[in-house]
Amino acid sequence: MKITRIYSGSDGESHFEEIEIPLDVRKNYGALSRIVKVTGIIFRETSEDYNYDFHNAPSRRYIINLEGGVEIEVGDGSKRIFKAGDVFLAEDTTGRGHISRAVNQEKRKSIFVLLD
């Protein structure tokens, strides 16, 4: 399963990369990843005019979009839109961070799965 990772580079800027979550095919169960230890979960809703300038992820976290979308701009100027059903890994806890913006003037519901 491929997801997007947002990370801090040695240049102090955030960047995107695609990473593969390895899955093990198990008869009758489908394909499962290894267990990922988590430290907490946050349910979040943002407004249709949400716009948060450069900021860091406060900790490593998977973000699961449930409704609406978010445009993420990283320090190198690249932008990506994550829509409902998308999962990404925010690990840009240092450096300049990223910008988050609402998409299509829609509210967004998401879940943050905290890793540390």
N, C-alpha and C. Protein backbone atom coordinates (compact mmCIF):
# COMPACT_ATOMS: atom_id res chain seq x y z
N MET A 1 0.85 -1.16 0.00
CA MET A 1 0.00 0.00 0.00
C MET A 1 0.90 1.23 0.00
N LYS A 2 0.69 2.12 -0.97
CA LYS A 2 1.50 3.33 -1.04
C LYS A 2 0.78 4.49 -0.37
N ILE A 3 1.57 5.28 0.40
CA ILE A 3 1.07 6.51 0.99
C ILE A 3 2.12 7.58 0.80
N THR A 4 1.76 8.82 1.06
CA THR A 4 2.69 9.94 0.96
C THR A 4 3.25 10.25 2.33
N ARG A 5 4.53 10.51 2.37
CA ARG A 5 5.22 10.93 3.59
C ARG A 5 5.65 12.38 3.41
N ILE A 6 5.44 13.20 4.44
CA ILE A 6 5.94 14.57 4.47
C ILE A 6 7.06 14.56 5.51
N TYR A 7 8.26 14.96 5.09
CA TYR A 7 9.40 14.88 6.00
C TYR A 7 10.26 16.14 5.88
N SER A 8 11.10 16.36 6.89
CA SER A 8 12.04 17.48 6.91
C SER A 8 13.36 17.02 6.32
N GLY A 9 13.83 17.74 5.30
CA GLY A 9 15.10 17.41 4.67
C GLY A 9 16.26 18.08 5.37
N SER A 10 17.46 17.71 4.98
CA SER A 10 18.66 18.32 5.56
C SER A 10 18.77 19.79 5.21
N ASP A 11 17.98 20.25 4.22
CA ASP A 11 17.96 21.66 3.83
C ASP A 11 17.03 22.49 4.71
N GLY A 12 16.36 21.85 5.70
CA GLY A 12 15.45 22.56 6.58
C GLY A 12 14.06 22.76 6.00
N GLU A 13 13.83 22.24 4.81
CA GLU A 13 12.53 22.36 4.15
C GLU A 13 11.81 21.02 4.20
N SER A 14 10.50 21.08 4.09
CA SER A 14 9.72 19.86 4.04
C SER A 14 9.59 19.39 2.60
N HIS A 15 9.41 18.08 2.43
CA HIS A 15 9.33 17.46 1.11
C HIS A 15 8.31 16.32 1.15
N PHE A 16 7.86 15.92 -0.04
CA PHE A 16 7.00 14.75 -0.20
C PHE A 16 7.83 13.58 -0.68
N GLU A 17 7.43 12.38 -0.29
CA GLU A 17 7.94 11.17 -0.91
C GLU A 17 6.88 10.10 -0.78
N GLU A 18 6.85 9.21 -1.74
CA GLU A 18 5.92 8.08 -1.69
C GLU A 18 6.64 6.94 -0.97
N ILE A 19 5.93 6.34 -0.02
CA ILE A 19 6.51 5.19 0.67
C ILE A 19 5.54 4.01 0.55
N GLU A 20 6.09 2.85 0.69
CA GLU A 20 5.32 1.62 0.59
C GLU A 20 5.14 1.05 1.99
N ILE A 21 3.89 0.80 2.36
CA ILE A 21 3.60 0.09 3.60
C ILE A 21 3.53 -1.39 3.22
N PRO A 22 4.50 -2.19 3.67
CA PRO A 22 4.51 -3.61 3.29
C PRO A 22 3.28 -4.33 3.83
N LEU A 23 2.69 -5.16 3.01
CA LEU A 23 1.54 -5.97 3.40
C LEU A 23 1.88 -7.43 3.23
N ASP A 24 1.42 -8.22 4.16
CA ASP A 24 1.63 -9.66 4.13
C ASP A 24 0.28 -10.31 3.81
N VAL A 25 0.22 -11.06 2.73
CA VAL A 25 -1.03 -11.71 2.34
C VAL A 25 -1.26 -12.91 3.25
N ARG A 26 -2.44 -12.90 3.87
CA ARG A 26 -2.81 -14.01 4.75
C ARG A 26 -4.11 -14.60 4.26
N LYS A 27 -4.06 -15.89 4.08
CA LYS A 27 -5.24 -16.59 3.58
C LYS A 27 -6.45 -16.27 4.46
N ASN A 28 -7.55 -15.95 3.84
CA ASN A 28 -8.82 -15.64 4.49
C ASN A 28 -8.87 -14.27 5.16
N TYR A 29 -7.73 -13.60 5.37
CA TYR A 29 -7.73 -12.30 6.04
C TYR A 29 -7.44 -11.15 5.10
N GLY A 30 -6.97 -11.42 3.91
CA GLY A 30 -6.54 -10.36 3.02
C GLY A 30 -5.08 -10.02 3.28
N ALA A 31 -4.71 -8.81 2.91
CA ALA A 31 -3.33 -8.36 3.08
C ALA A 31 -3.27 -7.39 4.26
N LEU A 32 -2.38 -7.68 5.21
CA LEU A 32 -2.26 -6.90 6.43
C LEU A 32 -0.85 -6.35 6.59
N SER A 33 -0.75 -5.15 7.16
CA SER A 33 0.56 -4.61 7.51
C SER A 33 0.96 -5.16 8.87
N ARG A 34 2.17 -4.88 9.26
CA ARG A 34 2.59 -5.22 10.62
C ARG A 34 1.84 -4.29 11.58
N ILE A 35 1.82 -4.64 12.83
CA ILE A 35 1.20 -3.77 13.84
C ILE A 35 2.06 -2.54 14.04
N VAL A 36 1.44 -1.38 14.03
CA VAL A 36 2.14 -0.12 14.29
C VAL A 36 1.71 0.36 15.67
N LYS A 37 2.68 0.52 16.56
CA LYS A 37 2.36 1.01 17.91
C LYS A 37 2.03 2.50 17.83
N VAL A 38 0.94 2.88 18.48
CA VAL A 38 0.52 4.28 18.49
C VAL A 38 0.39 4.75 19.93
N THR A 39 0.42 6.08 20.09
CA THR A 39 0.34 6.65 21.44
C THR A 39 -0.97 7.39 21.68
N GLY A 40 -1.75 7.61 20.65
CA GLY A 40 -3.01 8.31 20.83
C GLY A 40 -3.70 8.54 19.50
N ILE A 41 -4.91 9.07 19.62
CA ILE A 41 -5.71 9.38 18.43
C ILE A 41 -6.44 10.69 18.68
N ILE A 42 -6.52 11.52 17.65
CA ILE A 42 -7.23 12.80 17.72
C ILE A 42 -8.23 12.84 16.58
N PHE A 43 -9.46 13.20 16.90
CA PHE A 43 -10.49 13.44 15.89
C PHE A 43 -10.52 14.94 15.65
N ARG A 44 -10.57 15.34 14.37
CA ARG A 44 -10.46 16.76 14.05
C ARG A 44 -11.45 17.16 12.98
N GLU A 45 -11.95 18.39 13.11
CA GLU A 45 -12.79 18.99 12.08
C GLU A 45 -12.28 20.41 11.85
N THR A 46 -12.08 20.77 10.60
CA THR A 46 -11.64 22.12 10.26
C THR A 46 -12.68 22.78 9.36
N SER A 47 -12.71 24.09 9.41
CA SER A 47 -13.72 24.86 8.68
C SER A 47 -13.42 24.93 7.19
N GLU A 48 -14.40 25.38 6.46
CA GLU A 48 -14.28 25.49 5.00
C GLU A 48 -13.31 26.59 4.57
N ASP A 49 -12.92 27.48 5.49
CA ASP A 49 -11.96 28.53 5.14
C ASP A 49 -10.61 28.33 5.85
N TYR A 50 -10.37 27.11 6.29
CA TYR A 50 -9.15 26.77 7.01
C TYR A 50 -7.92 27.04 6.15
N ASN A 51 -6.97 27.78 6.72
CA ASN A 51 -5.70 28.07 6.05
C ASN A 51 -4.67 28.28 7.14
N TYR A 52 -3.73 27.35 7.25
CA TYR A 52 -2.73 27.40 8.31
C TYR A 52 -1.36 27.52 7.66
N ASP A 53 -0.73 28.70 7.86
CA ASP A 53 0.56 28.99 7.24
C ASP A 53 1.61 27.98 7.74
N PHE A 54 2.85 28.17 7.32
CA PHE A 54 3.91 27.20 7.63
C PHE A 54 3.89 26.81 9.10
N HIS A 55 3.88 25.51 9.33
CA HIS A 55 3.89 24.93 10.67
C HIS A 55 4.46 23.52 10.59
N ASN A 56 4.95 23.05 11.71
CA ASN A 56 5.47 21.69 11.79
C ASN A 56 4.40 20.76 12.32
N ALA A 57 4.52 19.50 11.98
CA ALA A 57 3.74 18.47 12.66
C ALA A 57 4.27 18.43 14.09
N PRO A 58 3.40 18.52 15.10
CA PRO A 58 3.88 18.52 16.49
C PRO A 58 4.54 17.21 16.90
N SER A 59 4.18 16.13 16.19
CA SER A 59 4.78 14.82 16.43
C SER A 59 4.53 13.99 15.17
N ARG A 60 5.19 12.85 15.08
CA ARG A 60 4.96 11.96 13.94
C ARG A 60 3.53 11.44 14.03
N ARG A 61 2.81 11.45 12.89
CA ARG A 61 1.42 11.03 12.90
C ARG A 61 0.94 10.64 11.52
N TYR A 62 0.11 9.61 11.48
CA TYR A 62 -0.65 9.31 10.28
C TYR A 62 -1.88 10.20 10.31
N ILE A 63 -2.25 10.72 9.16
CA ILE A 63 -3.47 11.51 9.04
C ILE A 63 -4.37 10.80 8.05
N ILE A 64 -5.58 10.53 8.50
CA ILE A 64 -6.57 9.83 7.69
C ILE A 64 -7.70 10.80 7.41
N ASN A 65 -7.91 11.15 6.15
CA ASN A 65 -9.00 12.06 5.77
C ASN A 65 -10.29 11.27 5.66
N LEU A 66 -11.31 11.73 6.37
CA LEU A 66 -12.62 11.08 6.33
C LEU A 66 -13.58 11.79 5.38
N GLU A 67 -13.61 13.12 5.45
CA GLU A 67 -14.48 13.95 4.60
C GLU A 67 -13.71 15.19 4.20
N GLY A 68 -14.04 15.72 3.02
CA GLY A 68 -13.37 16.93 2.55
C GLY A 68 -11.94 16.63 2.13
N GLY A 69 -11.20 17.68 1.89
CA GLY A 69 -9.83 17.52 1.45
C GLY A 69 -8.94 18.58 2.05
N VAL A 70 -7.65 18.41 1.87
CA VAL A 70 -6.68 19.39 2.32
C VAL A 70 -5.59 19.49 1.25
N GLU A 71 -5.18 20.73 0.98
CA GLU A 71 -4.03 20.95 0.11
C GLU A 71 -2.84 21.19 1.03
N ILE A 72 -1.79 20.42 0.81
CA ILE A 72 -0.55 20.58 1.58
C ILE A 72 0.51 21.13 0.63
N GLU A 73 1.16 22.21 1.07
CA GLU A 73 2.29 22.77 0.34
C GLU A 73 3.52 22.61 1.21
N VAL A 74 4.56 22.01 0.66
CA VAL A 74 5.80 21.80 1.41
C VAL A 74 6.81 22.89 1.05
N GLY A 75 7.90 22.90 1.80
CA GLY A 75 8.89 23.96 1.69
C GLY A 75 9.52 24.12 0.33
N ASP A 76 9.55 23.06 -0.47
CA ASP A 76 10.15 23.18 -1.80
C ASP A 76 9.15 23.72 -2.83
N GLY A 77 7.92 24.09 -2.37
CA GLY A 77 6.91 24.67 -3.26
C GLY A 77 5.95 23.66 -3.87
N SER A 78 6.21 22.38 -3.69
CA SER A 78 5.32 21.35 -4.22
C SER A 78 4.01 21.35 -3.44
N LYS A 79 2.90 21.04 -4.13
CA LYS A 79 1.58 20.98 -3.50
C LYS A 79 0.92 19.66 -3.87
N ARG A 80 0.15 19.13 -2.92
CA ARG A 80 -0.66 17.94 -3.17
C ARG A 80 -1.99 18.10 -2.47
N ILE A 81 -3.01 17.54 -3.08
CA ILE A 81 -4.34 17.53 -2.47
C ILE A 81 -4.63 16.11 -1.99
N PHE A 82 -5.00 16.02 -0.72
CA PHE A 82 -5.40 14.75 -0.12
C PHE A 82 -6.91 14.82 0.10
N LYS A 83 -7.62 13.85 -0.43
CA LYS A 83 -9.09 13.85 -0.38
C LYS A 83 -9.58 12.79 0.59
N ALA A 84 -10.90 12.70 0.73
CA ALA A 84 -11.48 11.70 1.61
C ALA A 84 -10.97 10.31 1.25
N GLY A 85 -10.56 9.56 2.25
CA GLY A 85 -10.03 8.22 2.05
C GLY A 85 -8.52 8.16 1.96
N ASP A 86 -7.86 9.30 1.76
CA ASP A 86 -6.40 9.32 1.67
C ASP A 86 -5.76 9.28 3.06
N VAL A 87 -4.57 8.68 3.11
CA VAL A 87 -3.77 8.60 4.33
C VAL A 87 -2.40 9.14 4.00
N PHE A 88 -1.86 9.97 4.90
CA PHE A 88 -0.47 10.41 4.73
C PHE A 88 0.23 10.44 6.07
N LEU A 89 1.54 10.43 6.02
CA LEU A 89 2.37 10.39 7.21
C LEU A 89 3.08 11.74 7.35
N ALA A 90 2.78 12.46 8.42
CA ALA A 90 3.43 13.76 8.67
C ALA A 90 4.59 13.55 9.63
N GLU A 91 5.80 13.80 9.14
CA GLU A 91 7.01 13.65 9.96
C GLU A 91 7.90 14.89 9.89
N ASP A 92 7.37 16.00 9.42
CA ASP A 92 8.18 17.22 9.32
C ASP A 92 8.10 17.99 10.63
N THR A 93 8.71 17.40 11.66
CA THR A 93 8.65 17.96 13.01
C THR A 93 9.72 19.02 13.26
N THR A 94 10.62 19.21 12.31
CA THR A 94 11.65 20.24 12.41
C THR A 94 11.65 21.05 11.12
N GLY A 95 12.46 22.10 11.08
CA GLY A 95 12.54 22.92 9.87
C GLY A 95 11.34 23.84 9.73
N ARG A 96 11.07 24.30 8.51
CA ARG A 96 10.00 25.26 8.26
C ARG A 96 8.62 24.65 8.28
N GLY A 97 8.50 23.37 7.97
CA GLY A 97 7.20 22.72 8.00
C GLY A 97 6.44 22.85 6.70
N HIS A 98 5.11 22.85 6.78
CA HIS A 98 4.25 22.83 5.61
C HIS A 98 3.05 23.77 5.82
N ILE A 99 2.34 24.06 4.75
CA ILE A 99 1.11 24.85 4.79
C ILE A 99 -0.06 23.90 4.55
N SER A 100 -1.15 24.11 5.27
CA SER A 100 -2.39 23.33 5.08
C SER A 100 -3.51 24.27 4.68
N ARG A 101 -4.27 23.89 3.64
CA ARG A 101 -5.37 24.73 3.17
C ARG A 101 -6.60 23.89 2.89
N ALA A 102 -7.78 24.48 3.16
CA ALA A 102 -9.05 23.84 2.82
C ALA A 102 -9.15 23.72 1.30
N VAL A 103 -9.93 22.76 0.85
CA VAL A 103 -10.13 22.51 -0.58
C VAL A 103 -11.62 22.67 -0.89
N ASN A 104 -11.92 23.38 -1.97
CA ASN A 104 -13.29 23.54 -2.45
C ASN A 104 -14.25 24.11 -1.40
N GLN A 105 -13.73 24.91 -0.49
CA GLN A 105 -14.55 25.53 0.55
C GLN A 105 -15.41 24.51 1.28
N GLU A 106 -14.79 23.35 1.59
CA GLU A 106 -15.48 22.28 2.30
C GLU A 106 -14.87 22.09 3.69
N LYS A 107 -15.73 21.77 4.65
CA LYS A 107 -15.22 21.36 5.95
C LYS A 107 -14.47 20.05 5.76
N ARG A 108 -13.57 19.79 6.68
CA ARG A 108 -12.79 18.56 6.60
C ARG A 108 -12.86 17.83 7.93
N LYS A 109 -13.06 16.54 7.86
CA LYS A 109 -12.98 15.69 9.05
C LYS A 109 -11.82 14.73 8.84
N SER A 110 -11.01 14.60 9.88
CA SER A 110 -9.85 13.74 9.78
C SER A 110 -9.53 13.12 11.14
N ILE A 111 -8.68 12.14 11.09
CA ILE A 111 -8.19 11.47 12.29
C ILE A 111 -6.67 11.53 12.27
N PHE A 112 -6.09 11.93 13.38
CA PHE A 112 -4.64 11.91 13.56
C PHE A 112 -4.31 10.71 14.44
N VAL A 113 -3.44 9.84 13.95
CA VAL A 113 -2.98 8.68 14.70
C VAL A 113 -1.55 8.97 15.14
N LEU A 114 -1.36 9.25 16.42
CA LEU A 114 -0.07 9.71 16.94
C LEU A 114 0.89 8.54 17.13
N LEU A 115 2.10 8.72 16.64
CA LEU A 115 3.10 7.65 16.68
C LEU A 115 4.11 7.81 17.79
N ASP A 116 4.30 9.01 18.31
CA ASP A 116 5.21 9.21 19.45
C ASP A 116 4.89 10.49 20.15
